Amino acid sequence: MDTVFYQCKIIDGTGSPWFRSDVGVTAGKIERIGDLSAVKAEHRIDAGGHVLCPGFIDIHSHDDVSVVYNRRAEVKVHQGITTQVVGNCGHSAAPVRAESLPDLRKAVYLIDPDPEFTWNWQSMEDYFAVVDSEGTSCNVVGLVGHINLRATHVGYEDRPATPAEVAAMKDAVAQAMSEGAAGLSTGMVYAPGSYGTTEELIALCETVREKDGLYATHMRRYDDRLLDSVRETIEIGERSGVPIQISHHVSVGQQNWQMMSHSFDLIEAARRRGVDVTVDVYPYPAGSANLSQLMGGWAHEGGVDRLVDRLKSPEARDRIRQEWRERPYWAPEDIMVSSVTTTANQPYVGKRLGKVAQARGQDVIDVLCDLVIEEHNNVNMVAFVQLEDNVRMNLKHPLTALGTDGLPIKELGHGHPHPRAYAAFPRLLAKFVREENLLTLEDALRKMTSFPARKAGLKDRGIIREGMVADLVIFDLESLQEEATFTEPHQFPTGIDYVVVTGQIVVDHGAHTGAQPGGAIRMGS
């Protein structure tokens, strides 16, 4: 036997009560669970009575490119994440076409931490091969991004896809899934994906269903049209038969906070009718996205270059002002600039939009538009527009899995990211399990392991069971701390003893070992 972990408090990921036992690992898999005191092993590691559980699975990640840009994946593995599902919100690293790649990278820039970094892949198969070429410290499951499909086969115009274009997108989905993709994702607030119709999405999801895949969706709206968006999502699942994961289930804007419970009513009713719909959440009352998300879809038509040119006109700015008056969910004091690319705008990182406007002597809408122009849309925000009690409602609900939704970080210490990138999983355990007793440790870990594993189609991970892949985490609940905050986000959590990926120790008491035993997980293989 390669390694025996002994004196373990095992929580197996299913939601079942904990039990004490040893775990033996051989060739990257769990070989035995039981009393292994007499078993010979190359390594014996004392868990000291701390929790041993499956490695955490981040069902909502945007580290498609980061995982090859920085293969150590520190911000993920230091919080216990051993597998991440990338390609969310319609943004994916593959499939792409070389001739249209420059424009596409502008459209999916949220997953592109360094525009100078070369993308030396096109198909999903190519991308997985690149991930595997040098190994990673964290496993990767890939979704096909709808933005990639729309940009490649339809373009950036606000119009319905033709039947031929829908057929081409369906073929692209089928090809990517035959190469190991887990399903399809949409970002219905991001152009050109936002121009897709319900019928188009149903057609694409029929292909996903035929391939036994998952449909994950950043819905059209999370504000006053949240319930309409949930209804559309359920219709897509009901008519196509595909399993659905609603991404980052939130209700934005004080006027709309009461909609959260009604959204769950719709989801529960759909499940009673046989629709497999669940949600993922992050444990914070603030989100993070591209700053230009504060503008309507009309502003994005034609791609990033057209967006930048359009925002130079007084007419476009007046239209944005009017939209803000009609839907006042984005107050300047609620919006924090979290990352930019230019040196000139670095002083504004970590500051609220109203303060930036004061510093520049400008109107807020002019600052919003000018930042997008000056950064060529490479500017992100953190938006404090949610209710803490809704976070608790989300976390407690049995239909929720946990995800970071963390945007990629170019390098450690760069920018002012949302702390969820560093600490979403420890925060759930430390704050909402240990401190608030909102849910049991067993149920919290189910949301972080077996639940997302099942939803993503992972059959050999997410549960402590003989024969399963040895992706493991050992931690002390009493000393676990999230550390990362909105004011000081670049901090790793503490209290995690070991993070193990396919049987190899990647994190040892807060220190990255340099091991890169992970890689692409090809579904259906």
Protein backbone atom coordinates (compact mmCIF):
# COMPACT_ATOMS: atom_id res chain seq x y z
CA MET A 1 0.00 0.00 0.00
CA ASP A 2 1.32 3.46 -0.86
CA THR A 3 -0.16 5.54 1.96
CA VAL A 4 -2.25 4.92 5.04
CA PHE A 5 -4.10 7.79 6.69
CA TYR A 6 -4.94 6.75 10.25
CA GLN A 7 -6.89 8.19 13.19
CA CYS A 8 -9.36 9.75 10.75
CA LYS A 9 -12.81 11.13 11.46
CA ILE A 10 -14.31 10.13 8.11
CA ILE A 11 -17.16 12.08 6.56
CA ASP A 12 -17.80 10.20 3.35
CA GLY A 13 -19.52 12.95 1.34
CA THR A 14 -22.96 11.32 1.13
CA GLY A 15 -24.46 13.19 4.08
CA SER A 16 -24.18 10.11 6.31
CA PRO A 17 -22.91 10.51 9.90
CA TRP A 18 -19.16 10.51 10.46
CA PHE A 19 -17.24 7.44 11.63
CA ARG A 20 -13.68 6.68 12.73
CA SER A 21 -11.46 4.56 10.52
CA ASP A 22 -8.26 4.44 8.47
CA VAL A 23 -7.96 4.93 4.74
CA GLY A 24 -5.40 3.14 2.58
CA VAL A 25 -4.38 4.46 -0.85
CA THR A 26 -2.65 2.56 -3.66
CA ALA A 27 -1.94 3.77 -7.20
CA GLY A 28 -4.06 6.89 -6.75
CA LYS A 29 -7.19 5.09 -5.52
CA ILE A 30 -8.75 4.24 -2.18
CA GLU A 31 -7.83 0.59 -1.69
CA ARG A 32 -9.14 -0.08 1.81
CA ILE A 33 -11.16 1.53 4.58
CA GLY A 34 -10.90 0.00 8.03
CA ASP A 35 -8.35 -0.81 10.72
CA LEU A 36 -5.06 -0.66 8.84
CA SER A 37 -2.74 -0.61 11.84
CA ALA A 38 -1.12 -3.86 10.78
CA VAL A 39 -0.91 -3.07 7.07
CA LYS A 40 2.48 -2.30 5.57
CA ALA A 41 2.59 1.05 3.77
CA GLU A 42 5.28 3.23 2.25
CA HIS A 43 3.87 6.24 4.08
CA ARG A 44 1.74 6.48 7.23
CA ILE A 45 0.10 9.81 8.00
CA ASP A 46 -1.57 10.56 11.32
CA ALA A 47 -4.78 12.55 10.79
CA GLY A 48 -4.88 13.26 14.52
CA GLY A 49 -8.62 12.70 14.75
CA HIS A 50 -9.32 15.43 12.23
CA VAL A 51 -11.87 15.17 9.43
CA LEU A 52 -10.97 13.18 6.33
CA CYS A 53 -13.42 13.75 3.48
CA PRO A 54 -13.50 13.68 -0.33
CA GLY A 55 -11.66 16.43 -2.15
CA PHE A 56 -13.89 19.44 -2.73
CA ILE A 57 -15.43 19.84 -6.19
CA ASP A 58 -15.88 23.40 -7.45
CA ILE A 59 -18.88 23.06 -9.74
CA HIS A 60 -18.63 26.68 -10.86
CA SER A 61 -15.10 27.71 -11.84
CA HIS A 62 -13.67 30.10 -14.41
CA ASP A 63 -10.10 28.74 -14.34
CA ASP A 64 -10.20 27.34 -17.89
CA VAL A 65 -7.03 29.19 -18.90
CA SER A 66 -5.60 29.73 -15.43
CA VAL A 67 -5.13 25.99 -15.02
CA VAL A 68 -2.57 25.99 -17.84
CA TYR A 69 -1.30 29.51 -17.14
CA ASN A 70 -0.61 28.58 -13.50
CA ARG A 71 -0.64 24.81 -13.14
CA ARG A 72 -0.11 24.93 -9.36
CA ALA A 73 -3.68 26.32 -8.97
CA GLU A 74 -2.85 27.67 -5.52
CA VAL A 75 -6.08 29.58 -4.90
CA LYS A 76 -8.07 26.40 -5.47
CA VAL A 77 -6.03 23.63 -3.87
CA HIS A 78 -5.23 25.67 -0.76
CA GLN A 79 -8.96 25.70 0.04
CA GLY A 80 -9.29 21.96 -0.52
CA ILE A 81 -10.56 21.94 -4.11
CA THR A 82 -9.26 18.93 -6.03
CA THR A 83 -11.56 19.12 -9.08
CA GLN A 84 -13.09 22.13 -10.78
CA VAL A 85 -15.74 22.35 -13.47
CA VAL A 86 -14.65 25.05 -15.93
CA GLY A 87 -16.42 26.55 -18.94
CA ASN A 88 -19.20 28.20 -16.94
CA CYS A 89 -21.35 31.22 -17.81
CA GLY A 90 -20.98 30.56 -21.53
CA HIS A 91 -17.21 31.26 -21.44
CA SER A 92 -14.92 28.35 -22.31
CA ALA A 93 -11.39 27.85 -23.53
CA ALA A 94 -12.60 25.48 -26.25
CA PRO A 95 -13.75 24.97 -28.90
CA VAL A 96 -12.20 27.90 -30.78
CA ARG A 97 -11.08 28.65 -34.31
CA ALA A 98 -7.67 30.16 -34.99
CA GLU A 99 -8.97 32.69 -37.51
CA SER A 100 -11.56 34.16 -35.13
CA LEU A 101 -9.64 33.69 -31.86
CA PRO A 102 -8.61 37.36 -31.29
CA ASP A 103 -12.24 38.54 -31.28
CA LEU A 104 -13.42 35.56 -29.26
CA ARG A 105 -10.83 36.16 -26.54
CA LYS A 106 -12.26 39.65 -26.13
CA ALA A 107 -15.74 38.17 -25.73
CA VAL A 108 -14.64 35.58 -23.15
CA TYR A 109 -12.01 37.74 -21.52
CA LEU A 110 -13.35 36.84 -18.05
CA ILE A 111 -11.48 33.52 -18.31
CA ASP A 112 -8.38 35.06 -19.94
CA PRO A 113 -6.04 36.35 -17.20
CA ASP A 114 -3.23 37.32 -19.59
CA PRO A 115 -4.06 38.39 -23.17
CA GLU A 116 -0.38 37.84 -24.05
CA PHE A 117 -0.59 34.16 -23.13
CA THR A 118 -0.79 31.91 -26.19
CA TRP A 119 -3.81 29.65 -26.64
CA ASN A 120 -2.24 26.72 -28.49
CA TRP A 121 -5.41 24.66 -28.86
CA GLN A 122 -8.65 24.74 -30.86
CA SER A 123 -10.81 21.69 -30.12
CA MET A 124 -11.83 20.42 -26.71
CA GLU A 125 -9.54 17.47 -27.32
CA ASP A 126 -6.65 19.87 -28.00
CA TYR A 127 -7.41 21.80 -24.82
CA PHE A 128 -7.51 18.66 -22.66
CA ALA A 129 -4.20 17.53 -24.18
CA VAL A 130 -2.60 20.86 -23.22
CA VAL A 131 -3.95 20.53 -19.66
CA ASP A 132 -2.43 17.04 -19.45
CA SER A 133 0.88 17.92 -21.10
CA GLU A 134 2.55 19.13 -17.91
CA GLY A 135 0.00 18.09 -15.31
CA THR A 136 -1.83 20.34 -12.88
CA SER A 137 -2.40 20.46 -9.14
CA CYS A 138 -6.17 20.37 -9.63
CA ASN A 139 -8.33 18.20 -11.89
CA VAL A 140 -10.44 19.84 -14.60
CA VAL A 141 -13.87 19.04 -16.05
CA GLY A 142 -14.85 21.09 -19.08
CA LEU A 143 -18.15 22.55 -20.29
CA VAL A 144 -18.73 23.97 -23.79
CA GLY A 145 -19.42 27.71 -23.67
CA HIS A 146 -22.41 28.98 -25.64
CA ILE A 147 -20.59 32.27 -26.28
CA ASN A 148 -17.92 30.32 -28.17
CA LEU A 149 -20.59 28.63 -30.28
CA ARG A 150 -22.48 31.82 -31.04
CA ALA A 151 -19.37 33.85 -31.85
CA THR A 152 -18.03 31.13 -34.15
CA HIS A 153 -21.18 30.07 -35.97
CA VAL A 154 -23.45 33.15 -35.80
CA GLY A 155 -21.28 36.16 -35.00
CA TYR A 156 -21.85 39.11 -32.71
CA GLU A 157 -25.14 40.44 -34.12
CA ASP A 158 -28.32 40.62 -32.07
CA ARG A 159 -30.49 38.25 -34.10
CA PRO A 160 -31.86 34.72 -33.96
CA ALA A 161 -29.63 31.98 -35.32
CA THR A 162 -30.74 30.46 -38.61
CA PRO A 163 -31.62 26.75 -38.76
CA ALA A 164 -28.28 26.08 -40.45
CA GLU A 165 -26.43 27.96 -37.71
CA VAL A 166 -28.29 26.07 -34.98
CA ALA A 167 -27.38 22.81 -36.71
CA ALA A 168 -23.71 23.87 -36.80
CA MET A 169 -23.76 24.70 -33.10
CA LYS A 170 -25.39 21.36 -32.30
CA ASP A 171 -22.66 19.58 -34.26
CA ALA A 172 -20.01 21.53 -32.34
CA VAL A 173 -21.58 20.53 -29.01
CA ALA A 174 -21.71 16.88 -30.08
CA GLN A 175 -18.08 16.98 -31.20
CA ALA A 176 -16.83 18.59 -27.98
CA MET A 177 -18.77 16.13 -25.84
CA SER A 178 -17.42 13.20 -27.85
CA GLU A 179 -13.98 14.57 -26.91
CA GLY A 180 -14.85 14.56 -23.21
CA ALA A 181 -16.77 17.74 -22.43
CA ALA A 182 -19.36 17.36 -19.66
CA GLY A 183 -22.06 19.51 -21.22
CA LEU A 184 -23.04 23.04 -22.20
CA SER A 185 -23.05 26.34 -20.35
CA THR A 186 -24.72 29.64 -21.17
CA GLY A 187 -24.10 33.20 -20.05
CA MET A 188 -27.37 34.86 -20.97
CA VAL A 189 -26.26 38.29 -19.83
CA TYR A 190 -23.09 38.26 -21.95
CA ALA A 191 -23.07 39.10 -25.65
CA PRO A 192 -23.31 37.38 -28.05
CA GLY A 193 -24.74 34.53 -25.94
CA SER A 194 -27.48 36.84 -24.70
CA TYR A 195 -28.88 37.00 -28.24
CA GLY A 196 -29.76 33.30 -28.21
CA THR A 197 -33.47 32.44 -28.11
CA THR A 198 -35.19 29.91 -25.88
CA GLU A 199 -35.78 27.67 -28.92
CA GLU A 200 -32.09 27.79 -29.80
CA LEU A 201 -31.12 26.71 -26.30
CA ILE A 202 -33.65 23.90 -26.29
CA ALA A 203 -32.21 22.60 -29.56
CA LEU A 204 -28.65 22.68 -28.20
CA CYS A 205 -29.74 21.01 -24.96
CA GLU A 206 -31.36 18.18 -26.89
CA THR A 207 -27.87 17.34 -28.14
CA VAL A 208 -26.49 17.61 -24.61
CA ARG A 209 -29.18 15.22 -23.37
CA GLU A 210 -28.37 12.72 -26.12
CA LYS A 211 -24.77 12.75 -24.86
CA ASP A 212 -25.84 12.40 -21.18
CA GLY A 213 -24.48 15.83 -20.32
CA LEU A 214 -25.26 18.78 -18.06
CA TYR A 215 -26.69 22.22 -18.88
CA ALA A 216 -25.34 24.95 -16.58
CA THR A 217 -26.75 28.44 -17.02
CA HIS A 218 -26.03 31.98 -15.98
CA MET A 219 -29.63 33.03 -16.57
CA ARG A 220 -30.78 36.18 -18.35
CA ARG A 221 -31.61 38.18 -15.24
CA TYR A 222 -31.26 37.94 -11.47
CA ASP A 223 -33.06 41.18 -10.66
CA ASP A 224 -36.75 42.02 -11.22
CA ARG A 225 -36.89 39.36 -13.95
CA LEU A 226 -35.42 36.57 -11.83
CA LEU A 227 -38.61 34.50 -11.82
CA ASP A 228 -39.07 34.87 -15.59
CA SER A 229 -35.49 33.68 -16.02
CA VAL A 230 -36.07 30.67 -13.78
CA ARG A 231 -39.23 29.82 -15.75
CA GLU A 232 -37.32 29.97 -19.03
CA THR A 233 -34.56 27.76 -17.63
CA ILE A 234 -37.07 25.20 -16.38
CA GLU A 235 -38.80 25.22 -19.77
CA ILE A 236 -35.47 24.45 -21.46
CA GLY A 237 -34.95 21.49 -19.15
CA GLU A 238 -38.52 20.28 -19.36
CA ARG A 239 -38.68 20.33 -23.15
CA SER A 240 -35.16 19.02 -23.83
CA GLY A 241 -34.94 16.54 -20.95
CA VAL A 242 -31.48 17.77 -19.95
CA PRO A 243 -30.33 18.06 -16.28
CA ILE A 244 -30.02 21.72 -15.31
CA GLN A 245 -27.68 23.57 -12.96
CA ILE A 246 -28.71 27.18 -12.30
CA SER A 247 -25.49 29.10 -11.78
CA HIS A 248 -24.97 31.36 -8.75
CA HIS A 249 -28.59 31.45 -7.62
CA VAL A 250 -29.01 35.00 -6.28
CA SER A 251 -31.56 37.82 -6.14
CA VAL A 252 -30.04 41.21 -6.96
CA GLY A 253 -31.32 44.52 -5.63
CA GLN A 254 -33.21 45.25 -2.42
CA GLN A 255 -36.52 45.51 -4.27
CA ASN A 256 -36.08 41.93 -5.46
CA TRP A 257 -34.68 40.16 -2.41
CA GLN A 258 -38.06 38.63 -1.56
CA MET A 259 -38.02 36.73 -4.87
CA MET A 260 -35.51 34.17 -3.61
CA SER A 261 -38.10 32.00 -1.86
CA HIS A 262 -40.43 32.24 -4.89
CA SER A 263 -37.58 31.08 -7.10
CA PHE A 264 -37.16 27.99 -4.95
CA ASP A 265 -40.94 27.43 -5.17
CA LEU A 266 -40.65 27.28 -8.96
CA ILE A 267 -37.65 24.95 -8.79
CA GLU A 268 -39.30 22.59 -6.32
CA ALA A 269 -42.49 22.48 -8.41
CA ALA A 270 -40.44 21.65 -11.50
CA ARG A 271 -38.71 18.81 -9.70
CA ARG A 272 -42.08 17.38 -8.69
CA ARG A 273 -42.89 17.29 -12.42
CA GLY A 274 -39.66 15.39 -13.09
CA VAL A 275 -37.32 18.21 -14.17
CA ASP A 276 -33.77 17.65 -12.82
CA VAL A 277 -33.01 21.24 -11.81
CA THR A 278 -30.60 22.22 -9.03
CA VAL A 279 -28.54 25.31 -8.25
CA ASP A 280 -25.07 26.35 -7.16
CA VAL A 281 -24.20 29.20 -4.82
CA TYR A 282 -21.25 31.02 -3.27
CA PRO A 283 -21.37 31.93 0.44
CA TYR A 284 -21.16 35.75 0.17
CA PRO A 285 -23.68 38.59 -0.23
CA ALA A 286 -21.71 40.10 -3.13
CA GLY A 287 -20.98 38.98 -6.66
CA SER A 288 -18.25 39.74 -9.16
CA ALA A 289 -18.26 40.16 -12.93
CA ASN A 290 -17.22 42.38 -15.78
CA LEU A 291 -17.99 46.07 -15.17
CA SER A 292 -19.77 46.32 -18.52
CA GLN A 293 -22.42 43.92 -17.19
CA LEU A 294 -23.97 47.09 -15.77
CA MET A 295 -24.95 47.97 -19.36
CA GLY A 296 -27.74 46.46 -21.42
CA GLY A 297 -27.17 43.86 -24.09
CA TRP A 298 -27.70 46.45 -26.83
CA ALA A 299 -24.40 48.10 -25.86
CA HIS A 300 -22.47 44.90 -26.55
CA GLU A 301 -23.82 44.12 -30.01
CA GLY A 302 -21.05 43.61 -32.56
CA GLY A 303 -18.34 42.65 -30.06
CA VAL A 304 -15.94 44.48 -27.78
CA ASP A 305 -14.57 46.91 -30.38
CA ARG A 306 -18.10 48.05 -31.22
CA LEU A 307 -18.92 48.34 -27.50
CA VAL A 308 -15.95 50.63 -26.92
CA ASP A 309 -16.82 52.83 -29.89
CA ARG A 310 -20.50 52.96 -28.94
CA LEU A 311 -19.76 54.17 -25.40
CA LYS A 312 -18.02 57.26 -26.78
CA SER A 313 -21.35 58.71 -27.92
CA PRO A 314 -23.45 60.95 -25.65
CA GLU A 315 -26.58 59.14 -26.87
CA ALA A 316 -25.36 55.78 -25.56
CA ARG A 317 -24.46 57.29 -22.20
CA ASP A 318 -27.86 58.95 -21.90
CA ARG A 319 -29.51 55.61 -22.62
CA ILE A 320 -27.48 53.96 -19.84
CA ARG A 321 -28.44 56.76 -17.44
CA GLN A 322 -32.11 56.20 -18.24
CA GLU A 323 -31.78 52.45 -17.69
CA TRP A 324 -30.15 53.06 -14.31
CA ARG A 325 -33.08 55.31 -13.32
CA GLU A 326 -35.61 52.68 -14.39
CA ARG A 327 -33.85 49.80 -12.65
CA PRO A 328 -31.85 51.26 -9.74
CA TYR A 329 -30.15 48.04 -8.66
CA TRP A 330 -26.62 49.26 -9.28
CA ALA A 331 -25.94 52.09 -6.83
CA PRO A 332 -22.43 53.56 -7.22
CA GLU A 333 -21.60 52.87 -3.57
CA ASP A 334 -22.35 49.16 -4.14
CA ILE A 335 -19.87 48.73 -7.02
CA MET A 336 -16.15 48.22 -6.31
CA VAL A 337 -13.56 48.19 -9.09
CA SER A 338 -11.67 44.92 -8.63
CA SER A 339 -9.21 44.71 -11.53
CA VAL A 340 -7.88 46.75 -14.44
CA THR A 341 -5.05 46.28 -16.92
CA THR A 342 -3.68 49.81 -17.35
CA THR A 343 -1.22 51.43 -14.98
CA ALA A 344 -3.14 54.71 -15.04
CA ASN A 345 -6.26 53.16 -13.51
CA GLN A 346 -4.53 51.03 -10.85
CA PRO A 347 -5.26 53.62 -8.12
CA TYR A 348 -8.98 52.92 -8.54
CA VAL A 349 -8.72 49.18 -7.81
CA GLY A 350 -10.47 48.41 -4.53
CA LYS A 351 -12.48 51.67 -4.60
CA ARG A 352 -16.24 52.12 -5.00
CA LEU A 353 -17.50 53.61 -8.26
CA GLY A 354 -18.79 56.74 -6.55
CA LYS A 355 -15.35 57.44 -5.04
CA VAL A 356 -13.72 56.90 -8.41
CA ALA A 357 -16.13 59.43 -9.92
CA GLN A 358 -15.23 61.93 -7.21
CA ALA A 359 -11.50 61.39 -7.74
CA ARG A 360 -11.86 61.91 -11.48
CA GLY A 361 -14.34 64.78 -11.20
CA GLN A 362 -16.85 62.98 -13.40
CA ASP A 363 -20.42 61.78 -13.46
CA VAL A 364 -20.76 58.10 -12.44
CA ILE A 365 -22.06 56.99 -15.86
CA ASP A 366 -19.21 58.79 -17.60
CA VAL A 367 -16.73 57.04 -15.30
CA LEU A 368 -18.39 53.69 -15.98
CA CYS A 369 -18.18 54.20 -19.74
CA ASP A 370 -14.68 55.68 -19.69
CA LEU A 371 -13.26 52.81 -17.62
CA VAL A 372 -14.66 50.30 -20.10
CA ILE A 373 -13.15 52.34 -22.96
CA GLU A 374 -9.77 52.87 -21.31
CA GLU A 375 -9.48 49.21 -20.31
CA HIS A 376 -10.98 47.98 -23.59
CA ASN A 377 -13.53 46.16 -21.42
CA ASN A 378 -10.84 44.40 -19.35
CA VAL A 379 -12.20 45.76 -16.06
CA ASN A 380 -13.99 43.79 -13.33
CA MET A 381 -16.14 44.72 -10.35
CA VAL A 382 -17.40 43.35 -7.05
CA ALA A 383 -21.10 44.20 -6.57
CA PHE A 384 -22.58 44.36 -3.04
CA VAL A 385 -26.23 43.96 -4.05
CA GLN A 386 -27.46 40.86 -2.20
CA LEU A 387 -29.06 40.04 1.16
CA GLU A 388 -27.12 38.02 3.75
CA ASP A 389 -30.25 36.12 4.81
CA ASN A 390 -30.75 35.03 1.19
CA VAL A 391 -27.22 33.63 1.27
CA ARG A 392 -28.28 31.55 4.27
CA MET A 393 -31.48 30.45 2.51
CA ASN A 394 -29.41 29.33 -0.46
CA LEU A 395 -26.84 27.45 1.59
CA LYS A 396 -29.39 25.65 3.73
CA HIS A 397 -31.58 24.50 0.87
CA PRO A 398 -31.05 20.81 -0.05
CA LEU A 399 -30.91 21.58 -3.79
CA THR A 400 -27.77 23.73 -3.62
CA ALA A 401 -24.17 22.79 -4.35
CA LEU A 402 -21.23 25.06 -3.55
CA GLY A 403 -19.10 26.82 -6.15
CA THR A 404 -16.52 29.57 -5.99
CA ASP A 405 -17.49 31.49 -9.16
CA GLY A 406 -14.08 33.06 -8.61
CA LEU A 407 -12.66 34.96 -11.56
CA PRO A 408 -9.13 33.97 -12.63
CA ILE A 409 -6.23 35.77 -11.01
CA LYS A 410 -3.31 36.69 -13.26
CA GLU A 411 -0.84 36.20 -10.43
CA LEU A 412 -1.00 35.95 -6.66
CA GLY A 413 -1.45 39.41 -5.17
CA HIS A 414 -2.65 40.94 -8.45
CA GLY A 415 -5.76 43.14 -8.41
CA HIS A 416 -8.47 43.16 -5.77
CA PRO A 417 -10.53 40.03 -6.44
CA HIS A 418 -13.62 38.77 -4.68
CA PRO A 419 -12.46 36.69 -1.67
CA ARG A 420 -14.53 33.73 -2.88
CA ALA A 421 -11.68 32.89 -5.25
CA TYR A 422 -9.53 32.05 -2.20
CA ALA A 423 -11.97 30.99 0.49
CA ALA A 424 -15.51 30.03 -0.58
CA PHE A 425 -15.24 26.45 0.70
CA PRO A 426 -13.56 27.17 4.06
CA ARG A 427 -16.05 30.01 4.63
CA LEU A 428 -19.01 27.65 4.40
CA LEU A 429 -17.44 25.34 6.97
CA ALA A 430 -16.05 27.94 9.37
CA LYS A 431 -18.81 30.55 9.34
CA PHE A 432 -21.99 28.70 8.48
CA VAL A 433 -21.28 25.29 10.04
CA ARG A 434 -19.04 25.93 13.03
CA GLU A 435 -20.06 29.46 14.01
CA GLU A 436 -23.73 29.67 12.99
CA ASN A 437 -24.82 26.00 13.00
CA LEU A 438 -26.80 26.76 9.86
CA LEU A 439 -26.30 23.19 8.61
CA THR A 440 -24.47 20.09 9.74
CA LEU A 441 -20.90 19.37 8.74
CA GLU A 442 -22.05 16.23 6.94
CA ASP A 443 -24.59 18.13 4.83
CA ALA A 444 -22.18 20.96 4.08
CA LEU A 445 -19.60 18.48 2.83
CA ARG A 446 -22.25 16.75 0.71
CA LYS A 447 -22.79 20.08 -1.07
CA MET A 448 -19.03 20.25 -1.71
CA THR A 449 -18.36 16.65 -2.77
CA SER A 450 -20.89 13.97 -3.78
CA PHE A 451 -23.61 16.40 -4.90
CA PRO A 452 -21.47 18.30 -7.44
CA ALA A 453 -19.77 15.04 -8.45
CA ARG A 454 -23.12 13.47 -9.34
CA LYS A 455 -24.33 16.58 -11.14
CA ALA A 456 -21.15 16.84 -13.22
CA GLY A 457 -21.24 13.14 -14.05
CA LEU A 458 -18.18 12.16 -12.01
CA LYS A 459 -18.63 8.54 -11.01
CA ASP A 460 -15.28 7.90 -9.33
CA ARG A 461 -14.97 10.97 -7.11
CA GLY A 462 -16.89 12.78 -4.37
CA ILE A 463 -17.30 9.85 -1.96
CA ILE A 464 -14.96 8.03 0.43
CA ARG A 465 -15.37 4.50 -0.83
CA GLU A 466 -13.06 1.68 -1.82
CA GLY A 467 -12.19 1.88 -5.51
CA MET A 468 -12.78 5.64 -5.77
CA VAL A 469 -10.04 8.05 -6.83
CA ALA A 470 -8.06 9.23 -3.81
CA ASP A 471 -8.88 12.94 -3.94
CA LEU A 472 -8.94 13.77 -0.23
CA VAL A 473 -8.93 16.65 2.24
CA ILE A 474 -7.97 16.47 5.92
CA PHE A 475 -8.86 19.47 8.07
CA ASP A 476 -9.50 20.57 11.65
CA LEU A 477 -12.88 22.25 11.83
CA GLU A 478 -12.02 24.05 15.07
CA SER A 479 -8.99 25.83 13.60
CA LEU A 480 -10.29 26.31 10.06
CA GLN A 481 -10.38 29.99 9.01
CA GLU A 482 -11.21 31.56 5.67
CA GLU A 483 -8.70 34.47 6.08
CA ALA A 484 -9.46 36.17 2.72
CA THR A 485 -11.68 39.26 3.08
CA PHE A 486 -13.08 41.94 0.79
CA THR A 487 -10.39 44.35 1.97
CA GLU A 488 -7.53 41.78 2.04
CA PRO A 489 -8.48 39.06 -0.45
CA HIS A 490 -5.07 37.57 -1.27
CA GLN A 491 -4.83 35.22 1.72
CA PHE A 492 -4.92 31.44 1.83
CA PRO A 493 -7.16 29.75 4.42
CA THR A 494 -5.72 28.07 7.50
CA GLY A 495 -6.65 24.86 9.27
CA ILE A 496 -6.37 22.48 6.31
CA ASP A 497 -3.85 19.74 7.08
CA TYR A 498 -3.59 17.96 3.75
CA VAL A 499 -4.98 18.17 0.23
CA VAL A 500 -4.50 14.99 -1.77
CA VAL A 501 -5.02 14.69 -5.54
CA THR A 502 -5.05 11.19 -7.07
CA GLY A 503 -3.16 9.90 -4.05
CA GLN A 504 -0.42 12.55 -4.03
CA ILE A 505 -0.13 15.26 -1.40
CA VAL A 506 -0.44 18.68 -3.02
CA VAL A 507 -0.87 20.81 0.12
CA ASP A 508 0.83 19.89 3.40
CA HIS A 509 -0.20 22.10 6.36
CA GLY A 510 -0.48 25.25 4.24
CA ALA A 511 2.56 24.57 2.03
CA HIS A 512 2.18 23.67 -1.63
CA THR A 513 4.37 20.64 -2.33
CA GLY A 514 4.76 21.43 -6.03
CA ALA A 515 3.02 18.20 -7.03
CA GLN A 516 0.95 18.36 -10.23
CA PRO A 517 -0.79 14.97 -10.37
CA GLY A 518 -4.06 16.30 -11.76
CA GLY A 519 -5.27 16.79 -15.30
CA ALA A 520 -8.31 16.78 -17.56
CA ILE A 521 -11.17 14.45 -16.69
CA ARG A 522 -12.75 13.35 -19.96
CA MET A 523 -16.38 12.46 -19.47
CA GLY A 524 -17.63 9.28 -21.05
CA SER A 525 -14.19 7.70 -21.14
